[in-house]
């Protein structure tokens, strides 16, 4: 069960990140505030479906989001995600690689690689993450097995709670127990975002982090 602890913070958030899970016709978006308290306390601001990029960026502007991390694994929209990244400062594509050595790595790519437009735009940054490591860290946060408070406000829609608990680690493998796991994917990216920003120390192991 997702933790529903409510933390009240008097301080200004250290960072506010948005993470987007791209689907065929829409986008799922989580906005979470991260605090320096306990090396990574956090509070969910909202979880919402956006119908297009304009709606997504309007939400981000309203909530003072400083960086958007976006899943770029949906094959038919991957090029679209890269094009958005090439035009939007602070918008970062993310892909998974379960065989990655370490937590994550940074890549510089051509947003139009493999198309007729290759070489016509500035290069963009993409992050490759080891999803299983961040899934395990997220589950620790959600279950209250970490020093950090991972907060979900009372009144959060059941849709979020159902989606964020839609995956379980069973017999050494991650398995979906419900079809819609978009909130879980968004929160995995949130955990990565906070780790990359040095707010959340994942496994307290700096050796697995790149130097930027």
Protein backbone atom coordinates (compact mmCIF):
# COMPACT_ATOMS: atom_id res chain seq x y z
CA UNK A 1 0.00 0.00 0.00
CA UNK A 2 1.27 3.46 -0.84
CA UNK A 3 2.19 5.51 2.18
CA UNK A 4 -0.32 8.25 2.92
CA UNK A 5 1.82 10.06 5.50
CA UNK A 6 1.23 13.78 5.39
CA UNK A 7 4.21 16.04 6.00
CA UNK A 8 3.80 19.75 6.67
CA UNK A 9 6.78 21.79 5.53
CA UNK A 10 7.44 25.39 6.41
CA UNK A 11 10.45 25.61 4.13
CA UNK A 12 10.49 26.33 0.41
CA UNK A 13 10.87 23.15 -1.68
CA UNK A 14 14.40 22.44 -2.82
CA UNK A 15 13.03 21.46 -6.23
CA UNK A 16 9.75 20.73 -8.00
CA UNK A 17 9.88 18.16 -10.78
CA UNK A 18 7.27 16.92 -13.23
CA UNK A 19 7.45 13.44 -14.74
CA UNK A 20 5.40 12.39 -17.73
CA UNK A 21 4.40 8.95 -18.97
CA UNK A 22 3.57 9.11 -22.69
CA UNK A 23 0.63 7.14 -24.03
CA UNK A 24 -0.85 6.83 -27.51
CA UNK A 25 -3.26 9.77 -27.29
CA UNK A 26 -2.44 11.50 -24.00
CA UNK A 27 0.09 11.96 -21.20
CA UNK A 28 0.07 11.13 -17.50
CA UNK A 29 1.82 13.67 -15.31
CA UNK A 30 3.02 13.70 -11.70
CA UNK A 31 4.29 16.85 -10.00
CA UNK A 32 6.25 16.32 -6.78
CA UNK A 33 8.05 18.73 -4.47
CA UNK A 34 11.39 17.62 -3.03
CA UNK A 35 12.87 19.00 0.18
CA UNK A 36 16.39 18.99 1.56
CA UNK A 37 14.96 17.65 4.85
CA UNK A 38 16.25 14.12 5.60
CA UNK A 39 18.13 14.13 2.28
CA UNK A 40 14.97 13.77 0.27
CA UNK A 41 11.56 14.20 1.88
CA UNK A 42 8.93 14.78 -0.79
CA UNK A 43 5.26 15.61 -1.27
CA UNK A 44 3.00 14.86 -4.24
CA UNK A 45 1.44 18.04 -5.64
CA UNK A 46 -0.78 16.45 -8.27
CA UNK A 47 -1.25 13.51 -10.59
CA UNK A 48 -3.20 14.33 -13.72
CA UNK A 49 -3.92 13.29 -17.27
CA UNK A 50 -2.97 15.87 -19.91
CA UNK A 51 -4.42 15.65 -23.38
CA UNK A 52 -1.53 17.36 -25.15
CA UNK A 53 1.83 19.10 -24.62
CA UNK A 54 0.24 22.51 -24.17
CA UNK A 55 -1.88 21.31 -21.28
CA UNK A 56 1.13 19.59 -19.74
CA UNK A 57 3.28 22.72 -19.88
CA UNK A 58 0.44 24.89 -18.58
CA UNK A 59 0.21 22.61 -15.53
CA UNK A 60 3.96 22.78 -15.05
CA UNK A 61 3.96 26.57 -15.24
CA UNK A 62 1.13 26.82 -12.71
CA UNK A 63 3.04 24.72 -10.19
CA UNK A 64 6.50 26.20 -10.67
CA UNK A 65 8.05 23.08 -12.15
CA UNK A 66 11.71 23.61 -12.93
CA UNK A 67 12.36 20.47 -14.95
CA UNK A 68 10.25 17.89 -16.79
CA UNK A 69 11.44 14.30 -17.18
CA UNK A 70 9.56 12.46 -19.91
CA UNK A 71 9.42 8.77 -20.78
CA UNK A 72 10.70 8.33 -24.32
CA UNK A 73 10.07 4.59 -24.59
CA UNK A 74 6.73 4.75 -26.43
CA UNK A 75 8.02 3.86 -29.89
CA UNK A 76 5.46 5.63 -32.06
CA UNK A 77 5.91 8.92 -30.14
CA UNK A 78 9.62 8.77 -29.37
CA UNK A 79 10.57 11.12 -32.19
CA UNK A 80 7.88 13.53 -31.01
CA UNK A 81 9.33 13.51 -27.48
CA UNK A 82 12.80 14.26 -28.86
CA UNK A 83 11.47 17.14 -30.95
CA UNK A 84 9.75 18.63 -27.91
CA UNK A 85 13.05 18.32 -26.03
CA UNK A 86 14.92 20.15 -28.80
CA UNK A 87 12.56 23.13 -28.45
CA UNK A 88 11.96 23.17 -24.69
CA UNK A 89 14.62 24.06 -22.09
CA UNK A 90 14.40 21.87 -19.00
CA UNK A 91 12.58 19.05 -20.81
CA UNK A 92 14.55 15.81 -20.55
CA UNK A 93 13.77 12.47 -22.28
CA UNK A 94 14.35 9.30 -20.24
CA UNK A 95 14.63 5.67 -21.37
CA UNK A 96 15.15 2.41 -19.45
CA UNK A 97 17.97 -0.10 -19.68
CA UNK A 98 17.81 -2.89 -17.09
CA UNK A 99 21.33 -4.00 -18.07
CA UNK A 100 22.87 -0.62 -17.33
CA UNK A 101 25.92 -0.72 -15.06
CA UNK A 102 25.06 1.78 -12.34
CA UNK A 103 22.05 3.98 -11.68
CA UNK A 104 21.98 6.11 -14.81
CA UNK A 105 24.02 7.69 -17.55
CA UNK A 106 23.75 10.83 -19.64
CA UNK A 107 23.77 10.73 -23.44
CA UNK A 108 23.90 13.44 -26.08
CA UNK A 109 21.86 12.55 -29.15
CA UNK A 110 20.57 14.00 -32.40
CA UNK A 111 16.79 14.47 -31.93
CA UNK A 112 16.25 13.54 -35.59
CA UNK A 113 18.67 10.62 -35.78
CA UNK A 114 17.63 8.10 -38.41
CA UNK A 115 15.35 10.53 -40.25
CA UNK A 116 15.81 12.88 -43.20
CA UNK A 117 16.18 15.75 -40.72
CA UNK A 118 19.24 14.24 -39.05
CA UNK A 119 21.89 16.90 -38.47
CA UNK A 120 19.47 19.83 -38.80
CA UNK A 121 18.92 20.54 -35.09
CA UNK A 122 21.00 21.03 -31.97
CA UNK A 123 21.89 17.95 -29.98
CA UNK A 124 19.79 17.14 -26.90
CA UNK A 125 20.41 15.40 -23.57
CA UNK A 126 18.80 12.04 -22.85
CA UNK A 127 19.13 9.98 -19.70
CA UNK A 128 19.27 6.19 -19.59
CA UNK A 129 18.28 4.77 -16.20
CA UNK A 130 18.43 1.36 -14.60
CA UNK A 131 14.70 1.02 -13.82
CA UNK A 132 14.94 -1.84 -11.32
CA UNK A 133 17.24 0.08 -8.97
CA UNK A 134 14.88 3.04 -8.90
CA UNK A 135 11.82 0.78 -8.55
CA UNK A 136 13.32 -0.77 -5.42
CA UNK A 137 14.17 2.65 -4.00
CA UNK A 138 10.65 3.90 -4.73
CA UNK A 139 9.11 0.92 -2.95
CA UNK A 140 11.24 1.65 0.12
CA UNK A 141 9.93 5.22 0.13
CA UNK A 142 6.32 4.18 -0.43
CA UNK A 143 6.38 1.56 2.33
CA UNK A 144 7.96 3.87 4.87
CA UNK A 145 11.13 1.76 4.98
CA UNK A 146 13.34 4.81 4.47
CA UNK A 147 14.34 7.78 6.60
CA UNK A 148 12.73 10.05 4.02
CA UNK A 149 9.03 10.96 4.11
CA UNK A 150 7.31 10.17 0.81
CA UNK A 151 4.02 12.02 1.12
CA UNK A 152 0.70 11.62 -0.70
CA UNK A 153 -1.95 14.13 0.42
CA UNK A 154 -5.29 12.98 1.76
CA UNK A 155 -7.92 13.19 -0.93
CA UNK A 156 -5.61 11.95 -3.69
CA UNK A 157 -7.79 10.14 -6.27
CA UNK A 158 -7.99 6.36 -5.99
CA UNK A 159 -6.86 6.19 -9.61
CA UNK A 160 -3.42 7.39 -8.53
CA UNK A 161 -3.25 4.97 -5.59
CA UNK A 162 -4.28 2.09 -7.84
CA UNK A 163 -1.73 2.96 -10.51
CA UNK A 164 1.18 3.67 -8.16
CA UNK A 165 0.76 0.22 -6.58
CA UNK A 166 0.27 -1.59 -9.91
CA UNK A 167 3.67 -3.30 -9.86
CA UNK A 168 5.11 -5.78 -7.36
CA UNK A 169 8.45 -7.52 -7.00
CA UNK A 170 7.65 -11.24 -7.00
CA UNK A 171 10.16 -14.10 -7.11
CA UNK A 172 12.96 -11.85 -8.30
CA UNK A 173 10.93 -10.12 -11.02
CA UNK A 174 8.82 -7.00 -11.34
CA UNK A 175 5.28 -7.88 -12.36
CA UNK A 176 2.25 -5.77 -13.20
CA UNK A 177 -0.75 -6.70 -11.10
CA UNK A 178 -2.93 -4.11 -12.79
CA UNK A 179 -2.83 -2.90 -16.39
CA UNK A 180 -2.45 0.81 -15.72
CA UNK A 181 0.85 1.54 -13.98
CA UNK A 182 1.42 5.08 -15.26
CA UNK A 183 1.66 6.67 -11.80
CA UNK A 184 4.23 4.06 -10.79
CA UNK A 185 6.32 4.88 -13.87
CA UNK A 186 6.06 8.61 -13.14
CA UNK A 187 7.18 8.13 -9.54
CA UNK A 188 10.11 5.96 -10.61
CA UNK A 189 11.23 8.89 -12.77
CA UNK A 190 10.66 11.25 -9.82
CA UNK A 191 13.04 9.12 -7.76
CA UNK A 192 15.61 9.32 -10.54
CA UNK A 193 15.13 13.10 -10.87
CA UNK A 194 15.74 13.65 -7.16
CA UNK A 195 18.75 11.35 -7.19
CA UNK A 196 20.28 13.14 -10.16
CA UNK A 197 19.76 16.47 -8.40
CA UNK A 198 21.59 15.09 -5.31
CA UNK A 199 18.49 15.66 -3.17
CA UNK A 200 17.73 11.99 -2.63
CA UNK A 201 20.70 9.75 -1.95
CA UNK A 202 19.85 6.42 -3.55
CA UNK A 203 21.47 3.61 -1.60
CA UNK A 204 23.92 6.26 -0.30
CA UNK A 205 26.26 5.27 -3.12
CA UNK A 206 27.81 8.21 -4.95
CA UNK A 207 29.95 5.84 -7.02
CA UNK A 208 26.91 4.92 -9.09
CA UNK A 209 26.24 8.54 -10.02
CA UNK A 210 27.80 10.45 -12.85
CA UNK A 211 29.63 13.70 -12.21
CA UNK A 212 28.02 16.70 -13.88
